[in-house]
Every structure is written in structure tokens, then in C-alpha cells.
């Protein structure tokens, strides 16, 4: 570190402005994830208890990956599986090394915008991933570096790509979310 570097950080409140920019970015990502998560819940309302508030978490230094922004809804509605596993819908923007998702086509950080069902039965995840590929959904699937569940996502580089991917993911969950439900006769 040089005196020049410190001086530039002090001039015109550059350091303070950088912190404020990070806070604003994180607030906007979290708001977008909350809105997207609600759209997902609206597709399969019987999997969720409307009285349960979603949880939001942003981590700049996760143990795996580079940064993460995620929101989850507990799946404890009338059609949620009674597995005792505490299944949750996770919607997220993960900043990952491309190698974590086997993406040799991405040169910088992979920005994986998508969803997963945490603690879902892996056979169900495998079936949904197989159907996603077989029906040519414009989504990527990957193992998840945080747990054993499948991630359904796209690499995004703009707000427009986030919105386009959100539309696709909402449709995807509308079609396949029932696979994560418990026995409908219960």
C-alpha cells in the first residue's frame, strides 16, 4: 500500500462512496430477490405457508464461492412434503468461480441467478433436471457447491438478463414445482 493509494481513498470521500455503492447494490439485489421469490411462491402457493416471512442473506465472503445473495421461503404449506427435512425454496444470485459449475465459457465470475429446493429429495431433483434438459428449457442445471441439491440457473450480465431469466424460472417452477410436493391425499 502506498501513500498515494491512501490519499486517493481519502480524497472526495472515495472510500465512503464505495461503501455506499455496495450497500445500495446489495439493497437492490435483495429487493429483486424478494420480488422474484414471491413470484415463485405464487406459482405453487400450497407448498408455502403465507404466514412465514422469507429470509434474506447477503454474504460478501462465503466459505464457498465469491459472494452470494439469497432469499428463501420455508416449504411448510399444506402440500409440502412431510419429510422433516425443512425443505426451502432458495432464490439466489451466486458469484462463483466458473469452475464450480463446470463453465469454461465464462471468463470472469459466474453470476448464477436461479433457484433450488434445499433439502429436496435428490431423485426428484434429478428427474426435474432431466426433464429440463429433455424439454430444452433455456436454463442451466448444476450440482450445487453449498449442498447436494440441483441448481436451476442462468449466468446473467444485466438487469434485462435477470428479468428474462426470472420469467423463465417462474415458468419452470410453475411446471415442475409439483414434483417437490408431498402426497396430495394427506
N, C-alpha and C. Protein backbone atom coordinates (compact mmCIF):
# COMPACT_ATOMS: atom_id res chain seq x y z
N UNK A 1 0.86 -1.17 0.00
CA UNK A 1 0.00 0.00 0.00
C UNK A 1 0.91 1.24 0.00
N UNK A 2 0.55 2.20 -0.79
CA UNK A 2 1.36 3.42 -0.91
C UNK A 2 0.62 4.60 -0.32
N UNK A 3 1.36 5.65 -0.04
CA UNK A 3 0.75 6.88 0.44
C UNK A 3 -0.24 7.42 -0.59
N UNK A 4 0.11 7.27 -1.87
CA UNK A 4 -0.77 7.77 -2.94
C UNK A 4 -2.12 7.04 -2.90
N UNK A 5 -2.11 5.73 -2.68
CA UNK A 5 -3.34 4.94 -2.61
C UNK A 5 -4.21 5.42 -1.44
N UNK A 6 -3.61 5.62 -0.27
CA UNK A 6 -4.36 6.11 0.88
C UNK A 6 -4.93 7.49 0.64
N UNK A 7 -4.14 8.34 0.05
CA UNK A 7 -4.58 9.71 -0.23
C UNK A 7 -5.78 9.70 -1.18
N UNK A 8 -5.71 8.89 -2.23
CA UNK A 8 -6.83 8.84 -3.19
C UNK A 8 -8.10 8.32 -2.51
N UNK A 9 -7.96 7.39 -1.58
CA UNK A 9 -9.12 6.88 -0.85
C UNK A 9 -9.77 7.93 0.02
N UNK A 10 -8.97 8.86 0.52
CA UNK A 10 -9.49 9.93 1.36
C UNK A 10 -10.08 11.08 0.55
N UNK A 11 -9.52 11.33 -0.63
CA UNK A 11 -9.98 12.46 -1.44
C UNK A 11 -11.42 12.23 -1.90
N UNK A 12 -12.17 13.29 -1.84
CA UNK A 12 -13.56 13.29 -2.30
C UNK A 12 -14.39 12.15 -1.70
N UNK A 13 -14.00 11.70 -0.52
CA UNK A 13 -14.73 10.63 0.17
C UNK A 13 -14.88 9.37 -0.68
N UNK A 14 -13.85 9.04 -1.47
CA UNK A 14 -13.92 7.88 -2.35
C UNK A 14 -14.23 6.59 -1.59
N UNK A 15 -13.57 6.38 -0.48
CA UNK A 15 -13.82 5.16 0.30
C UNK A 15 -15.27 5.10 0.76
N UNK A 16 -15.75 6.19 1.31
CA UNK A 16 -17.13 6.25 1.80
C UNK A 16 -18.12 6.01 0.66
N UNK A 17 -17.88 6.63 -0.49
CA UNK A 17 -18.77 6.45 -1.64
C UNK A 17 -18.77 5.00 -2.11
N UNK A 18 -17.62 4.33 -2.07
CA UNK A 18 -17.56 2.92 -2.46
C UNK A 18 -18.40 2.07 -1.53
N UNK A 19 -18.32 2.32 -0.22
CA UNK A 19 -19.15 1.59 0.74
C UNK A 19 -20.64 1.81 0.49
N UNK A 20 -21.01 3.05 0.23
CA UNK A 20 -22.41 3.37 -0.02
C UNK A 20 -22.90 2.71 -1.30
N UNK A 21 -22.05 2.63 -2.31
CA UNK A 21 -22.41 1.98 -3.56
C UNK A 21 -22.66 0.48 -3.33
N UNK A 22 -21.82 -0.16 -2.55
CA UNK A 22 -22.00 -1.58 -2.23
C UNK A 22 -23.32 -1.77 -1.49
N UNK A 23 -23.61 -0.94 -0.50
CA UNK A 23 -24.87 -1.05 0.24
C UNK A 23 -26.07 -0.89 -0.67
N UNK A 24 -26.03 0.08 -1.56
CA UNK A 24 -27.14 0.32 -2.47
C UNK A 24 -27.33 -0.87 -3.41
N UNK A 25 -26.23 -1.41 -3.96
CA UNK A 25 -26.30 -2.56 -4.85
C UNK A 25 -26.93 -3.75 -4.12
N UNK A 26 -26.46 -4.03 -2.90
CA UNK A 26 -26.99 -5.16 -2.14
C UNK A 26 -28.47 -4.97 -1.81
N UNK A 27 -28.86 -3.76 -1.46
CA UNK A 27 -30.28 -3.48 -1.18
C UNK A 27 -31.13 -3.75 -2.42
N UNK A 28 -30.66 -3.34 -3.59
CA UNK A 28 -31.43 -3.54 -4.82
C UNK A 28 -31.49 -5.00 -5.22
N UNK A 29 -30.40 -5.74 -5.04
CA UNK A 29 -30.40 -7.17 -5.33
C UNK A 29 -31.38 -7.88 -4.39
N UNK A 30 -31.33 -7.54 -3.11
CA UNK A 30 -32.23 -8.17 -2.15
C UNK A 30 -33.70 -7.87 -2.47
N UNK A 31 -34.01 -6.65 -2.87
CA UNK A 31 -35.38 -6.31 -3.24
C UNK A 31 -35.83 -7.10 -4.46
N UNK A 32 -34.93 -7.24 -5.43
CA UNK A 32 -35.23 -8.02 -6.63
C UNK A 32 -35.46 -9.48 -6.27
N UNK A 33 -34.63 -10.04 -5.38
CA UNK A 33 -34.80 -11.44 -4.98
C UNK A 33 -36.12 -11.65 -4.23
N UNK A 34 -36.51 -10.71 -3.38
CA UNK A 34 -37.78 -10.82 -2.67
C UNK A 34 -38.96 -10.83 -3.64
N UNK A 35 -38.92 -9.96 -4.63
CA UNK A 35 -39.99 -9.90 -5.63
C UNK A 35 -40.02 -11.18 -6.45
N UNK A 36 -38.85 -11.63 -6.89
CA UNK A 36 -38.74 -12.87 -7.67
C UNK A 36 -39.21 -14.06 -6.83
N UNK A 37 -38.77 -14.14 -5.58
CA UNK A 37 -39.19 -15.23 -4.71
C UNK A 37 -40.70 -15.27 -4.53
N UNK A 38 -41.32 -14.12 -4.39
CA UNK A 38 -42.77 -14.08 -4.24
C UNK A 38 -43.46 -14.58 -5.51
N UNK A 39 -42.91 -14.24 -6.67
CA UNK A 39 -43.48 -14.74 -7.92
C UNK A 39 -43.39 -16.26 -7.99
N UNK A 40 -42.29 -16.81 -7.46
CA UNK A 40 -42.13 -18.26 -7.44
C UNK A 40 -43.17 -18.88 -6.49
N UNK A 41 -43.31 -18.32 -5.30
CA UNK A 41 -44.28 -18.82 -4.32
C UNK A 41 -45.69 -18.77 -4.91
N UNK A 42 -46.00 -17.72 -5.63
CA UNK A 42 -47.33 -17.58 -6.23
C UNK A 42 -47.64 -18.69 -7.23
N UNK A 43 -46.62 -19.32 -7.79
CA UNK A 43 -46.83 -20.41 -8.75
C UNK A 43 -47.23 -21.72 -8.07
N UNK A 44 -46.80 -21.91 -6.84
CA UNK A 44 -47.09 -23.15 -6.09
C UNK A 44 -47.51 -22.79 -4.66
N UNK A 45 -48.57 -22.02 -4.49
CA UNK A 45 -48.91 -21.49 -3.16
C UNK A 45 -49.16 -22.56 -2.10
N UNK A 46 -49.60 -23.75 -2.49
CA UNK A 46 -49.89 -24.78 -1.49
C UNK A 46 -48.64 -25.43 -0.91
N UNK A 47 -47.47 -25.09 -1.44
CA UNK A 47 -46.22 -25.59 -0.86
C UNK A 47 -45.72 -24.69 0.26
N UNK A 48 -46.33 -23.52 0.41
CA UNK A 48 -45.81 -22.50 1.34
C UNK A 48 -46.88 -22.03 2.30
N UNK A 49 -46.46 -21.68 3.49
CA UNK A 49 -47.34 -21.08 4.49
C UNK A 49 -47.20 -19.57 4.34
N UNK A 50 -48.27 -18.90 3.96
CA UNK A 50 -48.25 -17.45 3.71
C UNK A 50 -47.89 -16.65 4.96
N UNK A 51 -48.01 -17.24 6.14
CA UNK A 51 -47.70 -16.51 7.37
C UNK A 51 -46.21 -16.48 7.66
N UNK A 52 -45.44 -17.24 6.88
CA UNK A 52 -44.00 -17.31 7.10
C UNK A 52 -43.30 -16.27 6.23
N UNK A 53 -42.52 -15.42 6.86
CA UNK A 53 -41.78 -14.42 6.10
C UNK A 53 -40.51 -15.02 5.50
N UNK A 54 -40.14 -14.56 4.31
CA UNK A 54 -38.90 -15.06 3.72
C UNK A 54 -37.69 -14.53 4.48
N UNK A 55 -36.61 -15.22 4.33
CA UNK A 55 -35.35 -14.82 4.95
C UNK A 55 -34.39 -14.41 3.85
N UNK A 56 -33.67 -13.31 4.04
CA UNK A 56 -32.73 -12.79 3.05
C UNK A 56 -31.34 -12.74 3.67
N UNK A 57 -30.35 -13.15 2.89
CA UNK A 57 -28.98 -13.12 3.39
C UNK A 57 -28.03 -12.75 2.25
N UNK A 58 -27.15 -11.81 2.53
CA UNK A 58 -26.09 -11.43 1.61
C UNK A 58 -24.76 -11.69 2.31
N UNK A 59 -23.87 -12.37 1.60
CA UNK A 59 -22.57 -12.68 2.15
C UNK A 59 -21.49 -12.28 1.15
N UNK A 60 -20.59 -11.40 1.60
CA UNK A 60 -19.51 -10.97 0.71
C UNK A 60 -18.35 -11.94 0.72
N UNK A 61 -18.24 -12.77 1.73
CA UNK A 61 -17.14 -13.73 1.83
C UNK A 61 -17.66 -15.09 2.29
N UNK A 62 -18.45 -15.77 1.44
CA UNK A 62 -18.94 -17.08 1.85
C UNK A 62 -17.80 -18.10 1.88
N UNK A 63 -18.02 -19.20 2.56
CA UNK A 63 -16.97 -20.22 2.63
C UNK A 63 -16.75 -20.87 1.27
N UNK A 64 -17.78 -20.93 0.44
CA UNK A 64 -17.68 -21.43 -0.92
C UNK A 64 -18.16 -20.31 -1.84
N UNK A 65 -17.47 -20.08 -2.92
CA UNK A 65 -17.88 -19.04 -3.84
C UNK A 65 -17.22 -17.72 -3.53
N UNK A 66 -17.68 -16.69 -4.22
CA UNK A 66 -17.09 -15.36 -4.10
C UNK A 66 -17.98 -14.40 -3.32
N UNK A 67 -19.27 -14.48 -3.57
CA UNK A 67 -20.27 -13.69 -2.86
C UNK A 67 -21.62 -14.35 -3.13
N UNK A 68 -22.57 -14.11 -2.27
CA UNK A 68 -23.90 -14.67 -2.52
C UNK A 68 -24.97 -13.75 -1.96
N UNK A 69 -26.06 -13.74 -2.67
CA UNK A 69 -27.27 -13.03 -2.26
C UNK A 69 -28.36 -14.08 -2.39
N UNK A 70 -29.06 -14.37 -1.30
CA UNK A 70 -30.09 -15.39 -1.39
C UNK A 70 -31.26 -15.06 -0.48
N UNK A 71 -32.38 -15.59 -0.88
CA UNK A 71 -33.61 -15.44 -0.13
C UNK A 71 -34.26 -16.82 -0.13
N UNK A 72 -34.84 -17.20 0.99
CA UNK A 72 -35.55 -18.46 0.98
C UNK A 72 -36.89 -18.37 1.68
N UNK A 73 -37.78 -19.23 1.19
CA UNK A 73 -39.10 -19.42 1.77
C UNK A 73 -39.17 -20.85 2.28
N UNK A 74 -39.55 -21.04 3.53
CA UNK A 74 -39.76 -22.38 4.06
C UNK A 74 -40.95 -23.02 3.36
N UNK A 75 -40.78 -24.27 3.00
CA UNK A 75 -41.87 -25.01 2.35
C UNK A 75 -42.62 -25.77 3.44
N UNK A 76 -43.61 -25.11 4.00
CA UNK A 76 -44.38 -25.73 5.08
C UNK A 76 -45.88 -25.50 4.90
N UNK A 77 -46.29 -25.43 3.64
CA UNK A 77 -47.71 -25.29 3.34
C UNK A 77 -48.41 -26.64 3.34
N UNK A 78 -49.69 -26.66 3.03
CA UNK A 78 -50.48 -27.91 3.11
C UNK A 78 -50.00 -29.01 2.16
N UNK A 79 -49.33 -28.69 1.05
CA UNK A 79 -48.85 -29.71 0.12
C UNK A 79 -47.34 -29.94 0.23
N UNK A 80 -46.71 -29.31 1.18
CA UNK A 80 -45.26 -29.52 1.36
C UNK A 80 -45.02 -30.93 1.86
N UNK A 81 -43.91 -31.53 1.46
CA UNK A 81 -43.64 -32.89 1.92
C UNK A 81 -43.44 -32.93 3.43
N UNK A 82 -43.96 -33.96 4.03
CA UNK A 82 -43.82 -34.14 5.48
C UNK A 82 -42.60 -35.02 5.74
N UNK A 83 -41.44 -34.50 5.37
CA UNK A 83 -40.23 -35.31 5.45
C UNK A 83 -39.37 -34.96 6.65
N UNK A 84 -39.70 -33.90 7.35
CA UNK A 84 -38.88 -33.48 8.47
C UNK A 84 -37.56 -32.87 8.03
N UNK A 85 -37.41 -32.62 6.75
CA UNK A 85 -36.15 -32.10 6.21
C UNK A 85 -36.09 -30.58 6.15
N UNK A 86 -37.19 -29.90 6.44
CA UNK A 86 -37.21 -28.45 6.36
C UNK A 86 -36.85 -27.96 4.96
N UNK A 87 -37.58 -28.45 3.95
CA UNK A 87 -37.33 -28.00 2.58
C UNK A 87 -37.59 -26.51 2.45
N UNK A 88 -36.75 -25.87 1.64
CA UNK A 88 -36.89 -24.43 1.40
C UNK A 88 -36.64 -24.12 -0.05
N UNK A 89 -37.41 -23.18 -0.57
CA UNK A 89 -37.15 -22.62 -1.89
C UNK A 89 -36.09 -21.55 -1.71
N UNK A 90 -34.95 -21.73 -2.36
CA UNK A 90 -33.88 -20.73 -2.36
C UNK A 90 -33.87 -20.06 -3.71
N UNK A 91 -33.98 -18.74 -3.74
CA UNK A 91 -33.71 -17.99 -4.97
C UNK A 91 -32.44 -17.20 -4.69
N UNK A 92 -31.61 -17.06 -5.71
CA UNK A 92 -30.28 -16.54 -5.41
C UNK A 92 -29.59 -15.90 -6.61
N UNK A 93 -28.58 -15.14 -6.27
CA UNK A 93 -27.57 -14.69 -7.21
C UNK A 93 -26.24 -15.07 -6.55
N UNK A 94 -25.62 -16.11 -7.08
CA UNK A 94 -24.33 -16.58 -6.56
C UNK A 94 -23.23 -16.05 -7.48
N UNK A 95 -22.19 -15.53 -6.90
CA UNK A 95 -20.99 -15.13 -7.62
C UNK A 95 -19.98 -16.25 -7.40
N UNK A 96 -19.67 -17.01 -8.43
CA UNK A 96 -18.88 -18.21 -8.27
C UNK A 96 -17.71 -18.25 -9.27
N UNK A 97 -16.64 -18.96 -8.90
CA UNK A 97 -15.63 -19.27 -9.91
C UNK A 97 -16.31 -20.16 -10.95
N UNK A 98 -16.12 -19.90 -12.23
CA UNK A 98 -16.81 -20.70 -13.26
C UNK A 98 -16.54 -22.20 -13.14
N UNK A 99 -15.39 -22.57 -12.62
CA UNK A 99 -15.06 -23.99 -12.49
C UNK A 99 -16.00 -24.71 -11.53
N UNK A 100 -16.59 -24.01 -10.57
CA UNK A 100 -17.53 -24.64 -9.63
C UNK A 100 -18.76 -25.18 -10.34
N UNK A 101 -19.10 -24.60 -11.49
CA UNK A 101 -20.26 -25.02 -12.26
C UNK A 101 -19.85 -25.62 -13.61
N UNK A 102 -18.57 -25.94 -13.74
CA UNK A 102 -18.03 -26.52 -14.98
C UNK A 102 -18.35 -25.63 -16.19
N UNK A 103 -18.16 -24.32 -16.04
CA UNK A 103 -18.47 -23.37 -17.11
C UNK A 103 -17.18 -22.80 -17.69
N UNK A 104 -16.64 -23.46 -18.67
CA UNK A 104 -15.42 -22.97 -19.32
C UNK A 104 -15.72 -21.81 -20.26
N UNK A 105 -17.00 -21.54 -20.53
CA UNK A 105 -17.38 -20.45 -21.43
C UNK A 105 -17.45 -19.10 -20.72
N UNK A 106 -17.28 -19.07 -19.40
CA UNK A 106 -17.35 -17.83 -18.63
C UNK A 106 -15.95 -17.49 -18.17
N UNK A 107 -15.47 -16.29 -18.55
CA UNK A 107 -14.10 -15.90 -18.23
C UNK A 107 -13.94 -15.18 -16.89
N UNK A 108 -14.99 -14.55 -16.43
CA UNK A 108 -14.91 -13.83 -15.15
C UNK A 108 -15.71 -14.61 -14.12
N UNK A 109 -16.21 -13.94 -13.13
CA UNK A 109 -17.05 -14.62 -12.13
C UNK A 109 -18.36 -15.05 -12.78
N UNK A 110 -18.79 -16.26 -12.48
CA UNK A 110 -20.09 -16.74 -12.91
C UNK A 110 -21.13 -16.09 -12.00
N UNK A 111 -22.11 -15.46 -12.58
CA UNK A 111 -23.19 -14.85 -11.83
C UNK A 111 -24.42 -15.72 -12.05
N UNK A 112 -24.59 -16.71 -11.17
CA UNK A 112 -25.63 -17.72 -11.31
C UNK A 112 -26.91 -17.23 -10.65
N UNK A 113 -27.85 -16.81 -11.46
CA UNK A 113 -29.15 -16.35 -10.98
C UNK A 113 -30.12 -17.50 -11.15
N UNK A 114 -30.71 -17.97 -10.03
CA UNK A 114 -31.59 -19.11 -10.17
C UNK A 114 -32.27 -19.52 -8.89
N UNK A 115 -32.63 -20.80 -8.85
CA UNK A 115 -33.27 -21.34 -7.66
C UNK A 115 -32.88 -22.79 -7.45
N UNK A 116 -33.14 -23.26 -6.24
CA UNK A 116 -33.01 -24.66 -5.88
C UNK A 116 -34.00 -24.92 -4.77
N UNK A 117 -34.26 -26.20 -4.53
CA UNK A 117 -35.08 -26.60 -3.40
C UNK A 117 -34.14 -27.28 -2.41
N UNK A 118 -33.79 -26.55 -1.37
CA UNK A 118 -32.86 -27.07 -0.36
C UNK A 118 -33.52 -28.21 0.40
N UNK A 119 -32.76 -29.26 0.59
CA UNK A 119 -33.19 -30.48 1.29
C UNK A 119 -34.22 -31.28 0.51
N UNK A 120 -34.33 -31.03 -0.79
CA UNK A 120 -35.24 -31.82 -1.61
C UNK A 120 -34.68 -33.22 -1.81
N UNK A 121 -35.56 -34.14 -2.10
CA UNK A 121 -35.17 -35.50 -2.45
C UNK A 121 -34.32 -35.41 -3.73
N UNK A 122 -33.13 -35.97 -3.71
CA UNK A 122 -32.24 -35.86 -4.88
C UNK A 122 -32.80 -36.59 -6.09
N UNK A 123 -33.64 -37.62 -5.88
CA UNK A 123 -34.28 -38.28 -7.03
C UNK A 123 -35.24 -37.33 -7.74
N UNK A 124 -35.93 -36.50 -6.97
CA UNK A 124 -36.83 -35.51 -7.56
C UNK A 124 -36.00 -34.47 -8.31
N UNK A 125 -34.94 -33.97 -7.68
CA UNK A 125 -34.04 -33.03 -8.36
C UNK A 125 -33.53 -33.60 -9.67
N UNK A 126 -33.09 -34.86 -9.64
CA UNK A 126 -32.56 -35.50 -10.85
C UNK A 126 -33.63 -35.58 -11.94
N UNK A 127 -34.86 -35.92 -11.55
CA UNK A 127 -35.94 -36.01 -12.53
C UNK A 127 -36.24 -34.64 -13.14
N UNK A 128 -36.32 -33.61 -12.29
CA UNK A 128 -36.60 -32.26 -12.80
C UNK A 128 -35.47 -31.80 -13.72
N UNK A 129 -34.22 -32.06 -13.35
CA UNK A 129 -33.08 -31.68 -14.20
C UNK A 129 -33.14 -32.42 -15.53
N UNK A 130 -33.47 -33.70 -15.49
CA UNK A 130 -33.59 -34.49 -16.73
C UNK A 130 -34.68 -33.93 -17.63
N UNK A 131 -35.84 -33.61 -17.04
CA UNK A 131 -36.94 -33.04 -17.81
C UNK A 131 -36.58 -31.66 -18.37
N UNK A 132 -35.84 -30.89 -17.59
CA UNK A 132 -35.41 -29.56 -18.03
C UNK A 132 -34.54 -29.68 -19.28
N UNK A 133 -33.61 -30.61 -19.27
CA UNK A 133 -32.74 -30.82 -20.44
C UNK A 133 -33.52 -31.42 -21.60
N UNK A 134 -34.36 -32.42 -21.32
CA UNK A 134 -35.10 -33.12 -22.39
C UNK A 134 -36.07 -32.19 -23.11
N UNK A 135 -36.62 -31.24 -22.40
CA UNK A 135 -37.61 -30.33 -23.00
C UNK A 135 -36.96 -29.03 -23.49
N UNK A 136 -35.65 -28.99 -23.49
CA UNK A 136 -34.88 -27.83 -24.00
C UNK A 136 -35.24 -26.51 -23.33
N UNK A 137 -35.42 -26.54 -22.02
CA UNK A 137 -35.62 -25.29 -21.29
C UNK A 137 -34.36 -24.45 -21.43
N UNK A 138 -34.48 -23.14 -21.60
CA UNK A 138 -33.29 -22.29 -21.73
C UNK A 138 -32.67 -21.98 -20.35
N UNK A 139 -32.37 -23.05 -19.62
CA UNK A 139 -31.78 -22.95 -18.28
C UNK A 139 -30.61 -23.91 -18.19
N UNK A 140 -29.68 -23.58 -17.32
CA UNK A 140 -28.58 -24.46 -16.99
C UNK A 140 -28.95 -25.21 -15.71
N UNK A 141 -28.41 -26.41 -15.55
CA UNK A 141 -28.54 -27.13 -14.30
C UNK A 141 -27.13 -27.48 -13.83
N UNK A 142 -26.99 -27.54 -12.54
CA UNK A 142 -25.69 -27.86 -11.99
C UNK A 142 -25.86 -28.43 -10.60
N UNK A 143 -24.87 -29.23 -10.20
CA UNK A 143 -24.77 -29.56 -8.80
C UNK A 143 -24.51 -28.26 -8.06
N UNK A 144 -24.76 -28.26 -6.79
CA UNK A 144 -24.66 -27.03 -6.02
C UNK A 144 -23.45 -27.12 -5.08
N UNK A 145 -22.57 -26.15 -5.08
CA UNK A 145 -21.40 -26.22 -4.21
C UNK A 145 -21.73 -26.09 -2.72
N UNK A 146 -22.94 -25.68 -2.38
CA UNK A 146 -23.31 -25.49 -0.98
C UNK A 146 -23.96 -26.73 -0.36
N UNK A 147 -24.57 -27.59 -1.17
CA UNK A 147 -25.23 -28.80 -0.66
C UNK A 147 -25.44 -29.76 -1.82
N UNK A 148 -26.25 -30.79 -1.61
CA UNK A 148 -26.40 -31.83 -2.62
C UNK A 148 -27.53 -31.58 -3.62
N UNK A 149 -28.19 -30.44 -3.55
CA UNK A 149 -29.32 -30.19 -4.43
C UNK A 149 -28.92 -29.56 -5.74
N UNK A 150 -29.77 -29.74 -6.74
CA UNK A 150 -29.55 -29.21 -8.08
C UNK A 150 -29.95 -27.74 -8.13
N UNK A 151 -29.16 -26.97 -8.85
CA UNK A 151 -29.45 -25.55 -9.08
C UNK A 151 -29.96 -25.40 -10.51
N UNK A 152 -31.02 -24.64 -10.69
CA UNK A 152 -31.56 -24.28 -11.99
C UNK A 152 -31.26 -22.80 -12.15
N UNK A 153 -30.49 -22.42 -13.18
CA UNK A 153 -29.97 -21.06 -13.23
C UNK A 153 -29.60 -20.64 -14.65
N UNK A 154 -29.27 -19.37 -14.78
CA UNK A 154 -28.58 -18.82 -15.94
C UNK A 154 -27.52 -17.86 -15.46
N UNK A 155 -26.44 -17.77 -16.23
CA UNK A 155 -25.41 -16.75 -16.00
C UNK A 155 -25.98 -15.43 -16.50
N UNK A 156 -25.94 -14.40 -15.68
CA UNK A 156 -26.54 -13.11 -16.05
C UNK A 156 -25.49 -12.01 -16.02
N UNK A 157 -25.68 -11.03 -16.91
CA UNK A 157 -24.76 -9.90 -17.01
C UNK A 157 -25.45 -8.55 -17.01
N UNK A 158 -26.79 -8.55 -16.89
CA UNK A 158 -27.51 -7.28 -16.91
C UNK A 158 -28.86 -7.43 -16.22
N UNK A 159 -29.47 -6.31 -15.92
CA UNK A 159 -30.81 -6.34 -15.31
C UNK A 159 -31.81 -6.98 -16.28
N UNK A 160 -31.65 -6.72 -17.58
CA UNK A 160 -32.55 -7.33 -18.56
C UNK A 160 -32.40 -8.85 -18.56
N UNK A 161 -31.19 -9.36 -18.45
CA UNK A 161 -30.98 -10.81 -18.40
C UNK A 161 -31.54 -11.40 -17.11
N UNK A 162 -31.46 -10.65 -16.01
CA UNK A 162 -32.06 -11.12 -14.76
C UNK A 162 -33.57 -11.25 -14.94
N UNK A 163 -34.21 -10.26 -15.51
CA UNK A 163 -35.66 -10.30 -15.69
C UNK A 163 -36.07 -11.42 -16.64
N UNK A 164 -35.34 -11.59 -17.74
CA UNK A 164 -35.64 -12.66 -18.69
C UNK A 164 -35.49 -14.03 -18.01
N UNK A 165 -34.42 -14.21 -17.25
CA UNK A 165 -34.21 -15.46 -16.53
C UNK A 165 -35.28 -15.66 -15.47
N UNK A 166 -35.66 -14.60 -14.77
CA UNK A 166 -36.71 -14.71 -13.76
C UNK A 166 -38.01 -15.23 -14.39
N UNK A 167 -38.38 -14.69 -15.55
CA UNK A 167 -39.59 -15.15 -16.24
C UNK A 167 -39.50 -16.64 -16.53
N UNK A 168 -38.35 -17.09 -17.03
CA UNK A 168 -38.16 -18.50 -17.35
C UNK A 168 -38.22 -19.36 -16.09
N UNK A 169 -37.56 -18.91 -15.03
CA UNK A 169 -37.55 -19.69 -13.78
C UNK A 169 -38.94 -19.79 -13.15
N UNK A 170 -39.71 -18.71 -13.22
CA UNK A 170 -41.08 -18.73 -12.69
C UNK A 170 -41.90 -19.76 -13.48
N UNK A 171 -41.78 -19.75 -14.81
CA UNK A 171 -42.49 -20.73 -15.63
C UNK A 171 -42.03 -22.15 -15.30
N UNK A 172 -40.73 -22.31 -15.12
CA UNK A 172 -40.16 -23.62 -14.79
C UNK A 172 -40.72 -24.14 -13.47
N UNK A 173 -40.75 -23.30 -12.45
CA UNK A 173 -41.28 -23.72 -11.15
C UNK A 173 -42.78 -23.97 -11.24
N UNK A 174 -43.47 -23.22 -12.08
CA UNK A 174 -44.89 -23.44 -12.28
C UNK A 174 -45.12 -24.85 -12.83
N UNK A 175 -44.27 -25.27 -13.76
CA UNK A 175 -44.42 -26.58 -14.38
C UNK A 175 -43.91 -27.72 -13.50
N UNK A 176 -42.80 -27.52 -12.81
CA UNK A 176 -42.16 -28.63 -12.10
C UNK A 176 -42.26 -28.56 -10.57
N UNK A 177 -42.77 -27.49 -10.03
CA UNK A 177 -42.84 -27.35 -8.57
C UNK A 177 -43.64 -28.44 -7.90
N UNK A 178 -44.67 -28.94 -8.58
CA UNK A 178 -45.48 -30.02 -8.01
C UNK A 178 -44.66 -31.26 -7.69
N UNK A 179 -43.57 -31.46 -8.40
CA UNK A 179 -42.72 -32.63 -8.15
C UNK A 179 -42.15 -32.63 -6.73
N UNK A 180 -42.04 -31.44 -6.15
CA UNK A 180 -41.50 -31.32 -4.79
C UNK A 180 -42.56 -31.42 -3.71
N UNK A 181 -43.83 -31.57 -4.12
CA UNK A 181 -44.94 -31.62 -3.16
C UNK A 181 -45.02 -32.99 -2.49
N UNK A 182 -45.68 -33.00 -1.34
CA UNK A 182 -45.96 -34.26 -0.65
C UNK A 182 -47.15 -34.93 -1.30
N UNK A 183 -47.57 -36.02 -0.74
CA UNK A 183 -48.74 -36.75 -1.25
C UNK A 183 -49.96 -35.84 -1.15
N UNK A 184 -50.64 -35.61 -2.27
CA UNK A 184 -51.78 -34.69 -2.30
C UNK A 184 -52.98 -35.21 -1.52
N UNK A 185 -52.98 -36.52 -1.15
CA UNK A 185 -54.09 -37.07 -0.38
C UNK A 185 -53.96 -36.87 1.11
N UNK A 186 -52.83 -36.35 1.57
CA UNK A 186 -52.61 -36.16 3.01
C UNK A 186 -53.43 -35.04 3.55
